[in-house]
Amino acid sequence: MKEFALLFRMDITSEDAQPSPEVMQIYMAQWSTWVSKLSNQELLAPGGNHLSREGKVLRPNNEVTDGPYVAQRQSVAGYLLVFAQDLEAACVLAGECPILQGENTSIEVREIAIPGNL
């Protein structure tokens, strides 16, 4: 099995994009069910977490900007590491994530590069 990173992107900057406490409770229950399913199938790799809203972006020529933001108002909000046979299988796992039920969300799926196999 190969290891893949699932990078969860969403709008973490605008208050109106944040779910109500009631909706957040539903989302967290769905998230917990999904992660438990991955764990029970031994597809959840060690690592992964939520990220804070604060951050900085560094670019060439010593350019530093506040925030982990991109043009379409999506930021990496968290990540999981999973095991899958290949990229397509990892995308199937990611496609079941309840985060995709939200607005302005996405999941980037990337294989973890092993030194020597880059």
C-alpha atoms as a PDB file:
ATOM      1  CA  MET A   1       0.000   0.000   0.000  1.00  0.00           C
ATOM      2  CA  LYS A   2       1.111   3.536  -0.723  1.00  0.00           C
ATOM      3  CA  GLU A   3       0.620   6.504   1.579  1.00  0.00           C
ATOM      4  CA  PHE A   4      -1.369   9.564   0.514  1.00  0.00           C
ATOM      5  CA  ALA A   5      -2.045  12.959   2.061  1.00  0.00           C
ATOM      6  CA  LEU A   6      -5.595  14.280   1.891  1.00  0.00           C
ATOM      7  CA  LEU A   7      -5.394  18.077   2.155  1.00  0.00           C
ATOM      8  CA  PHE A   8      -8.722  19.565   3.178  1.00  0.00           C
ATOM      9  CA  ARG A   9      -9.332  23.029   1.749  1.00  0.00           C
ATOM     10  CA  MET A  10     -12.117  25.395   2.721  1.00  0.00           C
ATOM     11  CA  ASP A  11     -12.832  29.041   3.414  1.00  0.00           C
ATOM     12  CA  ILE A  12     -11.530  29.534   6.950  1.00  0.00           C
ATOM     13  CA  THR A  13     -11.301  33.321   6.762  1.00  0.00           C
ATOM     14  CA  SER A  14     -14.847  34.675   6.457  1.00  0.00           C
ATOM     15  CA  GLU A  15     -17.234  34.330   9.369  1.00  0.00           C
ATOM     16  CA  ASP A  16     -20.271  33.856   7.113  1.00  0.00           C
ATOM     17  CA  ALA A  17     -18.651  30.717   5.641  1.00  0.00           C
ATOM     18  CA  GLN A  18     -18.445  29.066   9.072  1.00  0.00           C
ATOM     19  CA  PRO A  19     -21.227  26.625  10.007  1.00  0.00           C
ATOM     20  CA  SER A  20     -23.514  27.244  12.946  1.00  0.00           C
ATOM     21  CA  PRO A  21     -22.776  25.281  16.138  1.00  0.00           C
ATOM     22  CA  GLU A  22     -25.689  22.950  15.333  1.00  0.00           C
ATOM     23  CA  VAL A  23     -24.444  22.258  11.809  1.00  0.00           C
ATOM     24  CA  MET A  24     -20.871  21.872  13.097  1.00  0.00           C
ATOM     25  CA  GLN A  25     -22.086  19.189  15.504  1.00  0.00           C
ATOM     26  CA  ILE A  26     -23.615  17.286  12.567  1.00  0.00           C
ATOM     27  CA  TYR A  27     -20.423  17.719  10.508  1.00  0.00           C
ATOM     28  CA  MET A  28     -18.256  16.444  13.354  1.00  0.00           C
ATOM     29  CA  ALA A  29     -20.452  13.358  13.810  1.00  0.00           C
ATOM     30  CA  GLN A  30     -20.173  12.622  10.073  1.00  0.00           C
ATOM     31  CA  TRP A  31     -16.412  13.247  10.203  1.00  0.00           C
ATOM     32  CA  SER A  32     -16.010  10.887  13.161  1.00  0.00           C
ATOM     33  CA  THR A  33     -17.971   8.159  11.365  1.00  0.00           C
ATOM     34  CA  TRP A  34     -15.864   8.549   8.210  1.00  0.00           C
ATOM     35  CA  VAL A  35     -12.528   8.530  10.080  1.00  0.00           C
ATOM     36  CA  SER A  36     -13.632   5.509  12.146  1.00  0.00           C
ATOM     37  CA  LYS A  37     -14.464   3.668   8.916  1.00  0.00           C
ATOM     38  CA  LEU A  38     -10.969   4.392   7.559  1.00  0.00           C
ATOM     39  CA  SER A  39      -9.411   3.268  10.840  1.00  0.00           C
ATOM     40  CA  ASN A  40     -11.464   0.056  11.007  1.00  0.00           C
ATOM     41  CA  GLN A  41     -10.333  -0.804   7.464  1.00  0.00           C
ATOM     42  CA  GLU A  42      -6.712  -0.068   8.481  1.00  0.00           C
ATOM     43  CA  LEU A  43      -6.513   2.675   5.849  1.00  0.00           C
ATOM     44  CA  LEU A  44      -5.733   5.505   8.280  1.00  0.00           C
ATOM     45  CA  ALA A  45      -2.004   6.213   8.437  1.00  0.00           C
ATOM     46  CA  PRO A  46      -0.358   7.783  11.505  1.00  0.00           C
ATOM     47  CA  GLY A  47      -0.480  11.573  11.417  1.00  0.00           C
ATOM     48  CA  GLY A  48      -2.938  14.192  10.273  1.00  0.00           C
ATOM     49  CA  ASN A  49      -4.626  17.026  12.091  1.00  0.00           C
ATOM     50  CA  HIS A  50      -6.485  20.303  11.867  1.00  0.00           C
ATOM     51  CA  LEU A  51      -4.501  23.466  11.261  1.00  0.00           C
ATOM     52  CA  SER A  52      -4.960  26.863  12.898  1.00  0.00           C
ATOM     53  CA  ARG A  53      -6.483  29.780  10.990  1.00  0.00           C
ATOM     54  CA  GLU A  54      -3.293  31.783  11.354  1.00  0.00           C
ATOM     55  CA  GLY A  55      -0.271  31.427   9.164  1.00  0.00           C
ATOM     56  CA  LYS A  56       2.034  33.113   6.696  1.00  0.00           C
ATOM     57  CA  VAL A  57       2.854  32.478   3.067  1.00  0.00           C
ATOM     58  CA  LEU A  58       6.462  32.883   1.940  1.00  0.00           C
ATOM     59  CA  ARG A  59       7.262  33.541  -1.700  1.00  0.00           C
ATOM     60  CA  PRO A  60      10.472  34.266  -3.607  1.00  0.00           C
ATOM     61  CA  ASN A  61      12.295  37.569  -3.022  1.00  0.00           C
ATOM     62  CA  ASN A  62      11.509  37.597   0.716  1.00  0.00           C
ATOM     63  CA  GLU A  63       7.807  38.275   0.127  1.00  0.00           C
ATOM     64  CA  VAL A  64       5.813  37.296   3.219  1.00  0.00           C
ATOM     65  CA  THR A  65       2.050  37.692   3.495  1.00  0.00           C
ATOM     66  CA  ASP A  66      -0.236  37.043   6.438  1.00  0.00           C
ATOM     67  CA  GLY A  67      -2.527  34.076   6.293  1.00  0.00           C
ATOM     68  CA  PRO A  68      -2.548  30.725   4.565  1.00  0.00           C
ATOM     69  CA  TYR A  69      -4.856  32.078   1.871  1.00  0.00           C
ATOM     70  CA  VAL A  70      -5.217  31.540  -1.842  1.00  0.00           C
ATOM     71  CA  ALA A  71      -7.159  33.520  -4.431  1.00  0.00           C
ATOM     72  CA  GLN A  72     -10.409  31.538  -4.237  1.00  0.00           C
ATOM     73  CA  ARG A  73     -10.606  31.936  -0.439  1.00  0.00           C
ATOM     74  CA  GLN A  74      -9.715  28.329   0.255  1.00  0.00           C
ATOM     75  CA  SER A  75      -6.996  27.477   2.725  1.00  0.00           C
ATOM     76  CA  VAL A  76      -5.637  24.161   3.889  1.00  0.00           C
ATOM     77  CA  ALA A  77      -7.702  23.558   7.011  1.00  0.00           C
ATOM     78  CA  GLY A  78      -6.316  20.141   7.887  1.00  0.00           C
ATOM     79  CA  TYR A  79      -5.044  16.872   6.538  1.00  0.00           C
ATOM     80  CA  LEU A  80      -5.118  13.112   6.991  1.00  0.00           C
ATOM     81  CA  LEU A  81      -2.675  10.472   5.894  1.00  0.00           C
ATOM     82  CA  VAL A  82      -4.226   7.347   4.414  1.00  0.00           C
ATOM     83  CA  PHE A  83      -3.118   4.101   2.826  1.00  0.00           C
ATOM     84  CA  ALA A  84      -4.381   3.170  -0.643  1.00  0.00           C
ATOM     85  CA  GLN A  85      -3.276   0.998  -3.557  1.00  0.00           C
ATOM     86  CA  ASP A  86      -2.969   3.959  -5.929  1.00  0.00           C
ATOM     87  CA  LEU A  87      -4.098   7.533  -6.587  1.00  0.00           C
ATOM     88  CA  GLU A  88      -7.503   6.435  -7.879  1.00  0.00           C
ATOM     89  CA  ALA A  89      -8.192   4.389  -4.741  1.00  0.00           C
ATOM     90  CA  ALA A  90      -7.102   7.327  -2.561  1.00  0.00           C
ATOM     91  CA  CYS A  91      -9.503   9.575  -4.491  1.00  0.00           C
ATOM     92  CA  VAL A  92     -12.338   7.126  -3.815  1.00  0.00           C
ATOM     93  CA  LEU A  93     -11.587   7.348  -0.072  1.00  0.00           C
ATOM     94  CA  ALA A  94     -11.430  11.146  -0.241  1.00  0.00           C
ATOM     95  CA  GLY A  95     -14.668  11.277  -2.218  1.00  0.00           C
ATOM     96  CA  GLU A  96     -16.512   9.786   0.767  1.00  0.00           C
ATOM     97  CA  CYS A  97     -15.365  12.588   3.097  1.00  0.00           C
ATOM     98  CA  PRO A  98     -18.253  14.666   4.482  1.00  0.00           C
ATOM     99  CA  ILE A  99     -16.218  17.861   4.027  1.00  0.00           C
ATOM    100  CA  LEU A 100     -17.257  17.745   0.378  1.00  0.00           C
ATOM    101  CA  GLN A 101     -20.866  18.383   1.449  1.00  0.00           C
ATOM    102  CA  GLY A 102     -19.907  21.945   2.375  1.00  0.00           C
ATOM    103  CA  GLU A 103     -19.703  24.950   0.095  1.00  0.00           C
ATOM    104  CA  ASN A 104     -16.364  26.186  -1.270  1.00  0.00           C
ATOM    105  CA  THR A 105     -14.508  23.056  -0.134  1.00  0.00           C
ATOM    106  CA  SER A 106     -12.117  20.679  -1.831  1.00  0.00           C
ATOM    107  CA  ILE A 107      -9.728  17.852  -1.059  1.00  0.00           C
ATOM    108  CA  GLU A 108      -6.323  17.631  -2.684  1.00  0.00           C
ATOM    109  CA  VAL A 109      -4.961  14.076  -2.851  1.00  0.00           C
ATOM    110  CA  ARG A 110      -1.180  13.687  -3.044  1.00  0.00           C
ATOM    111  CA  GLU A 111       1.006  10.610  -2.819  1.00  0.00           C
ATOM    112  CA  ILE A 112       3.680  10.816  -0.133  1.00  0.00           C
ATOM    113  CA  ALA A 113       7.009  10.838  -1.946  1.00  0.00           C
ATOM    114  CA  ILE A 114       9.569   8.332  -0.737  1.00  0.00           C
ATOM    115  CA  PRO A 115      13.195   9.511  -1.010  1.00  0.00           C
ATOM    116  CA  GLY A 116      14.738   7.837  -4.023  1.00  0.00           C
ATOM    117  CA  ASN A 117      11.361   7.449  -5.749  1.00  0.00           C
ATOM    118  CA  LEU A 118      10.686  11.115  -6.473  1.00  0.00           C
END
